[in-house]
Amino acid sequence: MFETIIAGNLESCRTEAEIADESGNRLAIVYEDSEGWHTQVVDARVEQSAATFSELIENAKQVLSHYVNRRGENLPSGVMTAGQLALWLMVKDDGTTMGLKISP
């Protein structure tokens, strides 16, 4: 059993999907930047089931595609706190962030 956790990476200024096993061990990180989609395998054991792993990666990309600032490009002007940056990275195409509707 695997789970996908969406997180804002403040250091790399991007939104990532972390794929973890049932114990919470991170196995892979999926993200998109200006060069396209990337998968960073953290634990090679996940590749033992290549079909399942490929499906997990595709699912992570689908989930991430709804995060409008996932690439971290075109930051709003002005100084942002770490909290503001984290929320900005988590904005979805339905106008929510962290499950809450944000007002313009």
PDB file of N, CA and C in Angstrom:
ATOM      1  N   MET A   1       0.840  -1.174   0.000  1.00  0.00           N
ATOM      2  CA  MET A   1       0.000   0.000   0.000  1.00  0.00           C
ATOM      3  C   MET A   1       0.886   1.238   0.000  1.00  0.00           C
ATOM      4  N   PHE A   2       0.534   2.191  -0.834  1.00  0.00           N
ATOM      5  CA  PHE A   2       1.304   3.425  -0.947  1.00  0.00           C
ATOM      6  C   PHE A   2       0.381   4.614  -0.760  1.00  0.00           C
ATOM      7  N   GLU A   3       0.987   5.745  -0.399  1.00  0.00           N
ATOM      8  CA  GLU A   3       0.226   6.979  -0.318  1.00  0.00           C
ATOM      9  C   GLU A   3       1.011   8.092  -0.998  1.00  0.00           C
ATOM     10  N   THR A   4       0.282   9.083  -1.489  1.00  0.00           N
ATOM     11  CA  THR A   4       0.896  10.237  -2.122  1.00  0.00           C
ATOM     12  C   THR A   4       0.618  11.446  -1.248  1.00  0.00           C
ATOM     13  N   ILE A   5       1.677  12.142  -0.881  1.00  0.00           N
ATOM     14  CA  ILE A   5       1.591  13.310  -0.013  1.00  0.00           C
ATOM     15  C   ILE A   5       2.044  14.514  -0.822  1.00  0.00           C
ATOM     16  N   ILE A   6       1.204  15.531  -0.892  1.00  0.00           N
ATOM     17  CA  ILE A   6       1.553  16.757  -1.612  1.00  0.00           C
ATOM     18  C   ILE A   6       2.149  17.737  -0.615  1.00  0.00           C
ATOM     19  N   ALA A   7       3.300  18.315  -0.976  1.00  0.00           N
ATOM     20  CA  ALA A   7       3.980  19.239  -0.083  1.00  0.00           C
ATOM     21  C   ALA A   7       4.626  20.360  -0.872  1.00  0.00           C
ATOM     22  N   GLY A   8       4.693  21.523  -0.260  1.00  0.00           N
ATOM     23  CA  GLY A   8       5.427  22.641  -0.844  1.00  0.00           C
ATOM     24  C   GLY A   8       6.878  22.566  -0.393  1.00  0.00           C
ATOM     25  N   ASN A   9       7.794  22.547  -1.331  1.00  0.00           N
ATOM     26  CA  ASN A   9       9.222  22.534  -1.019  1.00  0.00           C
ATOM     27  C   ASN A   9       9.707  23.973  -1.115  1.00  0.00           C
ATOM     28  N   LEU A  10       9.921  24.613   0.038  1.00  0.00           N
ATOM     29  CA  LEU A  10      10.295  26.016   0.053  1.00  0.00           C
ATOM     30  C   LEU A  10      11.712  26.242  -0.454  1.00  0.00           C
ATOM     31  N   GLU A  11      12.617  25.321  -0.190  1.00  0.00           N
ATOM     32  CA  GLU A  11      14.002  25.472  -0.644  1.00  0.00           C
ATOM     33  C   GLU A  11      14.109  25.442  -2.158  1.00  0.00           C
ATOM     34  N   SER A  12      13.376  24.539  -2.792  1.00  0.00           N
ATOM     35  CA  SER A  12      13.416  24.423  -4.255  1.00  0.00           C
ATOM     36  C   SER A  12      12.321  25.230  -4.924  1.00  0.00           C
ATOM     37  N   CYS A  13      11.439  25.820  -4.134  1.00  0.00           N
ATOM     38  CA  CYS A  13      10.318  26.631  -4.625  1.00  0.00           C
ATOM     39  C   CYS A  13       9.503  25.865  -5.661  1.00  0.00           C
ATOM     40  N   ARG A  14       8.921  24.756  -5.199  1.00  0.00           N
ATOM     41  CA  ARG A  14       8.067  23.940  -6.062  1.00  0.00           C
ATOM     42  C   ARG A  14       7.125  23.110  -5.194  1.00  0.00           C
ATOM     43  N   THR A  15       6.087  22.598  -5.821  1.00  0.00           N
ATOM     44  CA  THR A  15       5.164  21.685  -5.155  1.00  0.00           C
ATOM     45  C   THR A  15       5.540  20.275  -5.581  1.00  0.00           C
ATOM     46  N   GLU A  16       5.614  19.370  -4.616  1.00  0.00           N
ATOM     47  CA  GLU A  16       6.056  18.010  -4.893  1.00  0.00           C
ATOM     48  C   GLU A  16       5.017  16.995  -4.431  1.00  0.00           C
ATOM     49  N   ALA A  17       5.061  15.841  -5.068  1.00  0.00           N
ATOM     50  CA  ALA A  17       4.288  14.690  -4.609  1.00  0.00           C
ATOM     51  C   ALA A  17       5.294  13.689  -4.060  1.00  0.00           C
ATOM     52  N   GLU A  18       5.152  13.366  -2.792  1.00  0.00           N
ATOM     53  CA  GLU A  18       6.015  12.373  -2.169  1.00  0.00           C
ATOM     54  C   GLU A  18       5.252  11.055  -2.113  1.00  0.00           C
ATOM     55  N   ILE A  19       5.850  10.009  -2.637  1.00  0.00           N
ATOM     56  CA  ILE A  19       5.239   8.683  -2.601  1.00  0.00           C
ATOM     57  C   ILE A  19       5.880   7.942  -1.439  1.00  0.00           C
ATOM     58  N   ALA A  20       5.020   7.460  -0.536  1.00  0.00           N
ATOM     59  CA  ALA A  20       5.506   6.792   0.674  1.00  0.00           C
ATOM     60  C   ALA A  20       4.842   5.428   0.825  1.00  0.00           C
ATOM     61  N   ASP A  21       5.505   4.544   1.553  1.00  0.00           N
ATOM     62  CA  ASP A  21       4.915   3.236   1.821  1.00  0.00           C
ATOM     63  C   ASP A  21       4.024   3.316   3.055  1.00  0.00           C
ATOM     64  N   GLU A  22       3.447   2.176   3.442  1.00  0.00           N
ATOM     65  CA  GLU A  22       2.497   2.161   4.565  1.00  0.00           C
ATOM     66  C   GLU A  22       3.143   2.556   5.885  1.00  0.00           C
ATOM     67  N   SER A  23       4.470   2.494   5.977  1.00  0.00           N
ATOM     68  CA  SER A  23       5.176   2.898   7.200  1.00  0.00           C
ATOM     69  C   SER A  23       5.550   4.376   7.185  1.00  0.00           C
ATOM     70  N   GLY A  24       5.239   5.057   6.088  1.00  0.00           N
ATOM     71  CA  GLY A  24       5.575   6.473   5.970  1.00  0.00           C
ATOM     72  C   GLY A  24       6.961   6.735   5.418  1.00  0.00           C
ATOM     73  N   ASN A  25       7.652   5.689   4.985  1.00  0.00           N
ATOM     74  CA  ASN A  25       8.979   5.859   4.395  1.00  0.00           C
ATOM     75  C   ASN A  25       8.848   6.448   2.992  1.00  0.00           C
ATOM     76  N   ARG A  26       9.545   7.538   2.756  1.00  0.00           N
ATOM     77  CA  ARG A  26       9.492   8.185   1.448  1.00  0.00           C
ATOM     78  C   ARG A  26      10.250   7.334   0.437  1.00  0.00           C
ATOM     79  N   LEU A  27       9.592   7.032  -0.683  1.00  0.00           N
ATOM     80  CA  LEU A  27      10.173   6.187  -1.714  1.00  0.00           C
ATOM     81  C   LEU A  27      10.578   6.967  -2.958  1.00  0.00           C
ATOM     82  N   ALA A  28       9.791   7.985  -3.297  1.00  0.00           N
ATOM     83  CA  ALA A  28      10.075   8.765  -4.503  1.00  0.00           C
ATOM     84  C   ALA A  28       9.437  10.145  -4.386  1.00  0.00           C
ATOM     85  N   ILE A  29       9.990  11.084  -5.139  1.00  0.00           N
ATOM     86  CA  ILE A  29       9.465  12.444  -5.201  1.00  0.00           C
ATOM     87  C   ILE A  29       9.208  12.761  -6.670  1.00  0.00           C
ATOM     88  N   VAL A  30       8.024  13.290  -6.946  1.00  0.00           N
ATOM     89  CA  VAL A  30       7.643  13.672  -8.308  1.00  0.00           C
ATOM     90  C   VAL A  30       7.411  15.178  -8.312  1.00  0.00           C
ATOM     91  N   TYR A  31       7.945  15.860  -9.315  1.00  0.00           N
ATOM     92  CA  TYR A  31       7.739  17.301  -9.437  1.00  0.00           C
ATOM     93  C   TYR A  31       7.889  17.715 -10.892  1.00  0.00           C
ATOM     94  N   GLU A  32       7.443  18.933 -11.166  1.00  0.00           N
ATOM     95  CA  GLU A  32       7.578  19.496 -12.511  1.00  0.00           C
ATOM     96  C   GLU A  32       8.313  20.815 -12.408  1.00  0.00           C
ATOM     97  N   ASP A  33       9.207  21.063 -13.358  1.00  0.00           N
ATOM     98  CA  ASP A  33       9.841  22.365 -13.474  1.00  0.00           C
ATOM     99  C   ASP A  33       9.799  22.791 -14.937  1.00  0.00           C
ATOM    100  N   SER A  34      10.512  23.830 -15.279  1.00  0.00           N
ATOM    101  CA  SER A  34      10.458  24.349 -16.652  1.00  0.00           C
ATOM    102  C   SER A  34      10.975  23.353 -17.683  1.00  0.00           C
ATOM    103  N   GLU A  35      11.699  22.329 -17.251  1.00  0.00           N
ATOM    104  CA  GLU A  35      12.223  21.317 -18.164  1.00  0.00           C
ATOM    105  C   GLU A  35      11.321  20.091 -18.276  1.00  0.00           C
ATOM    106  N   GLY A  36      10.218  20.073 -17.512  1.00  0.00           N
ATOM    107  CA  GLY A  36       9.294  18.947 -17.583  1.00  0.00           C
ATOM    108  C   GLY A  36       9.150  18.224 -16.253  1.00  0.00           C
ATOM    109  N   TRP A  37       8.613  17.001 -16.337  1.00  0.00           N
ATOM    110  CA  TRP A  37       8.359  16.190 -15.150  1.00  0.00           C
ATOM    111  C   TRP A  37       9.615  15.432 -14.744  1.00  0.00           C
ATOM    112  N   HIS A  38       9.794  15.280 -13.418  1.00  0.00           N
ATOM    113  CA  HIS A  38      10.947  14.564 -12.877  1.00  0.00           C
ATOM    114  C   HIS A  38      10.487  13.610 -11.777  1.00  0.00           C
ATOM    115  N   THR A  39      11.169  12.495 -11.683  1.00  0.00           N
ATOM    116  CA  THR A  39      10.945  11.548 -10.602  1.00  0.00           C
ATOM    117  C   THR A  39      12.285  11.248  -9.966  1.00  0.00           C
ATOM    118  N   GLN A  40      12.370  11.528  -8.684  1.00  0.00           N
ATOM    119  CA  GLN A  40      13.581  11.240  -7.920  1.00  0.00           C
ATOM    120  C   GLN A  40      13.284  10.035  -7.029  1.00  0.00           C
ATOM    121  N   VAL A  41      13.910   8.911  -7.325  1.00  0.00           N
ATOM    122  CA  VAL A  41      13.707   7.698  -6.530  1.00  0.00           C
ATOM    123  C   VAL A  41      14.604   7.790  -5.303  1.00  0.00           C
ATOM    124  N   VAL A  42      13.993   7.714  -4.132  1.00  0.00           N
ATOM    125  CA  VAL A  42      14.717   7.799  -2.871  1.00  0.00           C
ATOM    126  C   VAL A  42      15.061   6.402  -2.354  1.00  0.00           C
ATOM    127  N   ASP A  43      14.188   5.441  -2.598  1.00  0.00           N
ATOM    128  CA  ASP A  43      14.373   4.071  -2.141  1.00  0.00           C
ATOM    129  C   ASP A  43      14.137   3.133  -3.324  1.00  0.00           C
ATOM    130  N   ALA A  44      15.184   2.494  -3.798  1.00  0.00           N
ATOM    131  CA  ALA A  44      15.118   1.661  -5.002  1.00  0.00           C
ATOM    132  C   ALA A  44      14.179   0.465  -4.864  1.00  0.00           C
ATOM    133  N   ARG A  45      13.786   0.094  -3.659  1.00  0.00           N
ATOM    134  CA  ARG A  45      12.868  -1.041  -3.491  1.00  0.00           C
ATOM    135  C   ARG A  45      11.548  -0.811  -4.214  1.00  0.00           C
ATOM    136  N   VAL A  46      11.150   0.433  -4.392  1.00  0.00           N
ATOM    137  CA  VAL A  46       9.878   0.726  -5.043  1.00  0.00           C
ATOM    138  C   VAL A  46       9.884   0.273  -6.498  1.00  0.00           C
ATOM    139  N   GLU A  47      11.041   0.214  -7.117  1.00  0.00           N
ATOM    140  CA  GLU A  47      11.130  -0.184  -8.524  1.00  0.00           C
ATOM    141  C   GLU A  47      10.944  -1.683  -8.727  1.00  0.00           C
ATOM    142  N   GLN A  48      10.869  -2.449  -7.648  1.00  0.00           N
ATOM    143  CA  GLN A  48      10.668  -3.886  -7.778  1.00  0.00           C
ATOM    144  C   GLN A  48       9.359  -4.202  -8.479  1.00  0.00           C
ATOM    145  N   SER A  49       8.392  -3.373  -8.301  1.00  0.00           N
ATOM    146  CA  SER A  49       7.098  -3.544  -8.947  1.00  0.00           C
ATOM    147  C   SER A  49       6.933  -2.416  -9.961  1.00  0.00           C
ATOM    148  N   ALA A  50       7.593  -2.525 -11.087  1.00  0.00           N
ATOM    149  CA  ALA A  50       7.665  -1.450 -12.070  1.00  0.00           C
ATOM    150  C   ALA A  50       6.298  -0.967 -12.546  1.00  0.00           C
ATOM    151  N   ALA A  51       5.357  -1.866 -12.770  1.00  0.00           N
ATOM    152  CA  ALA A  51       4.031  -1.465 -13.246  1.00  0.00           C
ATOM    153  C   ALA A  51       3.323  -0.623 -12.193  1.00  0.00           C
ATOM    154  N   THR A  52       3.363  -1.062 -10.953  1.00  0.00           N
ATOM    155  CA  THR A  52       2.735  -0.313  -9.862  1.00  0.00           C
ATOM    156  C   THR A  52       3.425   1.028  -9.689  1.00  0.00           C
ATOM    157  N   PHE A  53       4.748   1.035  -9.756  1.00  0.00           N
ATOM    158  CA  PHE A  53       5.512   2.268  -9.597  1.00  0.00           C
ATOM    159  C   PHE A  53       5.152   3.269 -10.691  1.00  0.00           C
ATOM    160  N   SER A  54       5.074   2.807 -11.935  1.00  0.00           N
ATOM    161  CA  SER A  54       4.701   3.689 -13.049  1.00  0.00           C
ATOM    162  C   SER A  54       3.311   4.275 -12.842  1.00  0.00           C
ATOM    163  N   GLU A  55       2.403   3.467 -12.341  1.00  0.00           N
ATOM    164  CA  GLU A  55       1.043   3.931 -12.068  1.00  0.00           C
ATOM    165  C   GLU A  55       1.044   4.983 -10.964  1.00  0.00           C
ATOM    166  N   LEU A  56       1.842   4.768  -9.935  1.00  0.00           N
ATOM    167  CA  LEU A  56       1.953   5.742  -8.852  1.00  0.00           C
ATOM    168  C   LEU A  56       2.495   7.075  -9.356  1.00  0.00           C
ATOM    169  N   ILE A  57       3.485   7.017 -10.219  1.00  0.00           N
ATOM    170  CA  ILE A  57       4.084   8.232 -10.781  1.00  0.00           C
ATOM    171  C   ILE A  57       3.064   8.984 -11.625  1.00  0.00           C
ATOM    172  N   GLU A  58       2.345   8.279 -12.478  1.00  0.00           N
ATOM    173  CA  GLU A  58       1.336   8.924 -13.322  1.00  0.00           C
ATOM    174  C   GLU A  58       0.227   9.539 -12.469  1.00  0.00           C
ATOM    175  N   ASN A  59      -0.178   8.853 -11.417  1.00  0.00           N
ATOM    176  CA  ASN A  59      -1.188   9.381 -10.509  1.00  0.00           C
ATOM    177  C   ASN A  59      -0.674  10.647  -9.827  1.00  0.00           C
ATOM    178  N   ALA A  60       0.579  10.628  -9.400  1.00  0.00           N
ATOM    179  CA  ALA A  60       1.167  11.805  -8.746  1.00  0.00           C
ATOM    180  C   ALA A  60       1.191  13.003  -9.701  1.00  0.00           C
ATOM    181  N   LYS A  61       1.537  12.768 -10.954  1.00  0.00           N
ATOM    182  CA  LYS A  61       1.540  13.847 -11.947  1.00  0.00           C
ATOM    183  C   LYS A  61       0.143  14.421 -12.131  1.00  0.00           C
ATOM    184  N   GLN A  62      -0.851  13.538 -12.181  1.00  0.00           N
ATOM    185  CA  GLN A  62      -2.244  13.974 -12.345  1.00  0.00           C
ATOM    186  C   GLN A  62      -2.671  14.847 -11.166  1.00  0.00           C
ATOM    187  N   VAL A  63      -2.357  14.413  -9.974  1.00  0.00           N
ATOM    188  CA  VAL A  63      -2.706  15.184  -8.777  1.00  0.00           C
ATOM    189  C   VAL A  63      -1.987  16.530  -8.795  1.00  0.00           C
ATOM    190  N   LEU A  64      -0.696  16.513  -9.074  1.00  0.00           N
ATOM    191  CA  LEU A  64       0.091  17.751  -9.089  1.00  0.00           C
ATOM    192  C   LEU A  64      -0.364  18.727 -10.170  1.00  0.00           C
ATOM    193  N   SER A  65      -0.898  18.230 -11.256  1.00  0.00           N
ATOM    194  CA  SER A  65      -1.295  19.108 -12.367  1.00  0.00           C
ATOM    195  C   SER A  65      -2.362  20.116 -11.960  1.00  0.00           C
ATOM    196  N   HIS A  66      -3.036  19.898 -10.849  1.00  0.00           N
ATOM    197  CA  HIS A  66      -4.057  20.825 -10.369  1.00  0.00           C
ATOM    198  C   HIS A  66      -3.477  21.954  -9.508  1.00  0.00           C
ATOM    199  N   TYR A  67      -2.201  21.899  -9.197  1.00  0.00           N
ATOM    200  CA  TYR A  67      -1.545  22.934  -8.396  1.00  0.00           C
ATOM    201  C   TYR A  67      -0.937  23.960  -9.350  1.00  0.00           C
ATOM    202  N   VAL A  68      -1.544  25.135  -9.398  1.00  0.00           N
ATOM    203  CA  VAL A  68      -1.201  26.108 -10.433  1.00  0.00           C
ATOM    204  C   VAL A  68       0.197  26.703 -10.282  1.00  0.00           C
ATOM    205  N   ASN A  69       0.758  26.708  -9.090  1.00  0.00           N
ATOM    206  CA  ASN A  69       2.091  27.276  -8.868  1.00  0.00           C
ATOM    207  C   ASN A  69       3.139  26.198  -8.614  1.00  0.00           C
ATOM    208  N   ARG A  70       2.875  24.971  -9.052  1.00  0.00           N
ATOM    209  CA  ARG A  70       3.734  23.822  -8.746  1.00  0.00           C
ATOM    210  C   ARG A  70       5.168  23.996  -9.217  1.00  0.00           C
ATOM    211  N   ARG A  71       5.373  24.760 -10.262  1.00  0.00           N
ATOM    212  CA  ARG A  71       6.730  24.969 -10.777  1.00  0.00           C
ATOM    213  C   ARG A  71       7.488  26.055 -10.025  1.00  0.00           C
ATOM    214  N   GLY A  72       6.770  26.854  -9.248  1.00  0.00           N
ATOM    215  CA  GLY A  72       7.404  27.930  -8.499  1.00  0.00           C
ATOM    216  C   GLY A  72       7.808  29.113  -9.358  1.00  0.00           C
ATOM    217  N   GLU A  73       7.228  29.208 -10.528  1.00  0.00           N
ATOM    218  CA  GLU A  73       7.559  30.298 -11.452  1.00  0.00           C
ATOM    219  C   GLU A  73       6.624  31.487 -11.229  1.00  0.00           C
ATOM    220  N   ASN A  74       7.087  32.659 -11.613  1.00  0.00           N
ATOM    221  CA  ASN A  74       6.299  33.890 -11.544  1.00  0.00           C
ATOM    222  C   ASN A  74       5.817  34.193 -10.125  1.00  0.00           C
ATOM    223  N   LEU A  75       6.765  34.191  -9.212  1.00  0.00           N
ATOM    224  CA  LEU A  75       6.447  34.538  -7.826  1.00  0.00           C
ATOM    225  C   LEU A  75       5.807  35.925  -7.769  1.00  0.00           C
ATOM    226  N   PRO A  76       4.841  36.119  -6.891  1.00  0.00           N
ATOM    227  CA  PRO A  76       4.261  37.451  -6.732  1.00  0.00           C
ATOM    228  C   PRO A  76       5.344  38.441  -6.307  1.00  0.00           C
ATOM    229  N   SER A  77       5.199  39.684  -6.724  1.00  0.00           N
ATOM    230  CA  SER A  77       6.200  40.683  -6.352  1.00  0.00           C
ATOM    231  C   SER A  77       6.088  40.997  -4.864  1.00  0.00           C
ATOM    232  N   GLY A  78       7.176  41.449  -4.298  1.00  0.00           N
ATOM    233  CA  GLY A  78       7.208  41.764  -2.876  1.00  0.00           C
ATOM    234  C   GLY A  78       7.796  40.617  -2.075  1.00  0.00           C
ATOM    235  N   VAL A  79       8.040  40.907  -0.841  1.00  0.00           N
ATOM    236  CA  VAL A  79       8.634  39.922   0.056  1.00  0.00           C
ATOM    237  C   VAL A  79       7.547  38.980   0.570  1.00  0.00           C
ATOM    238  N   MET A  80       7.840  37.701   0.547  1.00  0.00           N
ATOM    239  CA  MET A  80       6.901  36.695   1.061  1.00  0.00           C
ATOM    240  C   MET A  80       7.527  36.007   2.266  1.00  0.00           C
ATOM    241  N   THR A  81       6.726  35.757   3.269  1.00  0.00           N
ATOM    242  CA  THR A  81       7.201  34.949   4.391  1.00  0.00           C
ATOM    243  C   THR A  81       7.213  33.490   3.943  1.00  0.00           C
ATOM    244  N   ALA A  82       7.829  32.642   4.740  1.00  0.00           N
ATOM    245  CA  ALA A  82       7.844  31.215   4.423  1.00  0.00           C
ATOM    246  C   ALA A  82       6.425  30.672   4.375  1.00  0.00           C
ATOM    247  N   GLY A  83       5.580  31.112   5.284  1.00  0.00           N
ATOM    248  CA  GLY A  83       4.184  30.661   5.304  1.00  0.00           C
ATOM    249  C   GLY A  83       3.424  31.088   4.062  1.00  0.00           C
ATOM    250  N   GLN A  84       3.638  32.322   3.631  1.00  0.00           N
ATOM    251  CA  GLN A  84       2.970  32.812   2.425  1.00  0.00           C
ATOM    252  C   GLN A  84       3.436  32.033   1.197  1.00  0.00           C
ATOM    253  N   LEU A  85       4.737  31.755   1.127  1.00  0.00           N
ATOM    254  CA  LEU A  85       5.262  30.976   0.000  1.00  0.00           C
ATOM    255  C   LEU A  85       4.668  29.569   0.001  1.00  0.00           C
ATOM    256  N   ALA A  86       4.599  28.953   1.176  1.00  0.00           N
ATOM    257  CA  ALA A  86       4.034  27.607   1.271  1.00  0.00           C
ATOM    258  C   ALA A  86       2.586  27.592   0.795  1.00  0.00           C
ATOM    259  N   LEU A  87       1.802  28.571   1.209  1.00  0.00           N
ATOM    260  CA  LEU A  87       0.409  28.638   0.768  1.00  0.00           C
ATOM    261  C   LEU A  87       0.310  28.902  -0.726  1.00  0.00           C
ATOM    262  N   TRP A  88       1.165  29.761  -1.251  1.00  0.00           N
ATOM    263  CA  TRP A  88       1.169  30.072  -2.686  1.00  0.00           C
ATOM    264  C   TRP A  88       1.472  28.814  -3.502  1.00  0.00           C
ATOM    265  N   LEU A  89       2.416  27.992  -3.038  1.00  0.00           N
ATOM    266  CA  LEU A  89       2.758  26.758  -3.743  1.00  0.00           C
ATOM    267  C   LEU A  89       1.615  25.752  -3.718  1.00  0.00           C
ATOM    268  N   MET A  90       0.709  25.872  -2.758  1.00  0.00           N
ATOM    269  CA  MET A  90      -0.368  24.902  -2.588  1.00  0.00           C
ATOM    270  C   MET A  90      -1.694  25.342  -3.225  1.00  0.00           C
ATOM    271  N   VAL A  91      -1.721  26.447  -3.975  1.00  0.00           N
ATOM    272  CA  VAL A  91      -2.951  26.902  -4.625  1.00  0.00           C
ATOM    273  C   VAL A  91      -3.319  25.952  -5.758  1.00  0.00           C
ATOM    274  N   LYS A  92      -4.596  25.545  -5.749  1.00  0.00           N
ATOM    275  CA  LYS A  92      -5.091  24.627  -6.776  1.00  0.00           C
ATOM    276  C   LYS A  92      -5.936  25.382  -7.809  1.00  0.00           C
ATOM    277  N   ASP A  93      -6.185  24.729  -8.919  1.00  0.00           N
ATOM    278  CA  ASP A  93      -6.924  25.354 -10.009  1.00  0.00           C
ATOM    279  C   ASP A  93      -8.406  25.589  -9.684  1.00  0.00           C
ATOM    280  N   ASP A  94      -8.888  25.063  -8.575  1.00  0.00           N
ATOM    281  CA  ASP A  94     -10.272  25.331  -8.168  1.00  0.00           C
ATOM    282  C   ASP A  94     -10.373  26.510  -7.189  1.00  0.00           C
ATOM    283  N   GLY A  95      -9.246  27.216  -6.980  1.00  0.00           N
ATOM    284  CA  GLY A  95      -9.247  28.389  -6.110  1.00  0.00           C
ATOM    285  C   GLY A  95      -9.087  28.075  -4.638  1.00  0.00           C
ATOM    286  N   THR A  96      -8.696  26.846  -4.320  1.00  0.00           N
ATOM    287  CA  THR A  96      -8.488  26.488  -2.919  1.00  0.00           C
ATOM    288  C   THR A  96      -7.001  26.308  -2.642  1.00  0.00           C
ATOM    289  N   THR A  97      -6.663  26.434  -1.373  1.00  0.00           N
ATOM    290  CA  THR A  97      -5.328  26.102  -0.914  1.00  0.00           C
ATOM    291  C   THR A  97      -5.481  25.410   0.430  1.00  0.00           C
ATOM    292  N   MET A  98      -4.857  24.269   0.560  1.00  0.00           N
ATOM    293  CA  MET A  98      -4.966  23.484   1.786  1.00  0.00           C
ATOM    294  C   MET A  98      -6.420  23.190   2.124  1.00  0.00           C
ATOM    295  N   GLY A  99      -7.250  23.051   1.089  1.00  0.00           N
ATOM    296  CA  GLY A  99      -8.655  22.697   1.281  1.00  0.00           C
ATOM    297  C   GLY A  99      -9.582  23.852   1.564  1.00  0.00           C
ATOM    298  N   LEU A 100      -9.048  25.069   1.647  1.00  0.00           N
ATOM    299  CA  LEU A 100      -9.876  26.241   1.941  1.00  0.00           C
ATOM    300  C   LEU A 100      -9.939  27.161   0.739  1.00  0.00           C
ATOM    301  N   LYS A 101     -11.115  27.732   0.487  1.00  0.00           N
ATOM    302  CA  LYS A 101     -11.289  28.686  -0.598  1.00  0.00           C
ATOM    303  C   LYS A 101     -10.538  29.967  -0.245  1.00  0.00           C
ATOM    304  N   ILE A 102      -9.736  30.455  -1.177  1.00  0.00           N
ATOM    305  CA  ILE A 102      -9.006  31.704  -0.924  1.00  0.00           C
ATOM    306  C   ILE A 102      -9.692  32.834  -1.673  1.00  0.00           C
ATOM    307  N   SER A 103      -9.690  33.997  -1.060  1.00  0.00           N
ATOM    308  CA  SER A 103     -10.319  35.149  -1.700  1.00  0.00           C
ATOM    309  C   SER A 103      -9.267  35.953  -2.426  1.00  0.00           C
ATOM    310  N   PRO A 104      -9.658  36.566  -3.550  1.00  0.00           N
ATOM    311  CA  PRO A 104      -8.684  37.333  -4.348  1.00  0.00           C
ATOM    312  C   PRO A 104      -8.199  38.562  -3.665  1.00  0.00           C
TER     313      PRO A 104
END
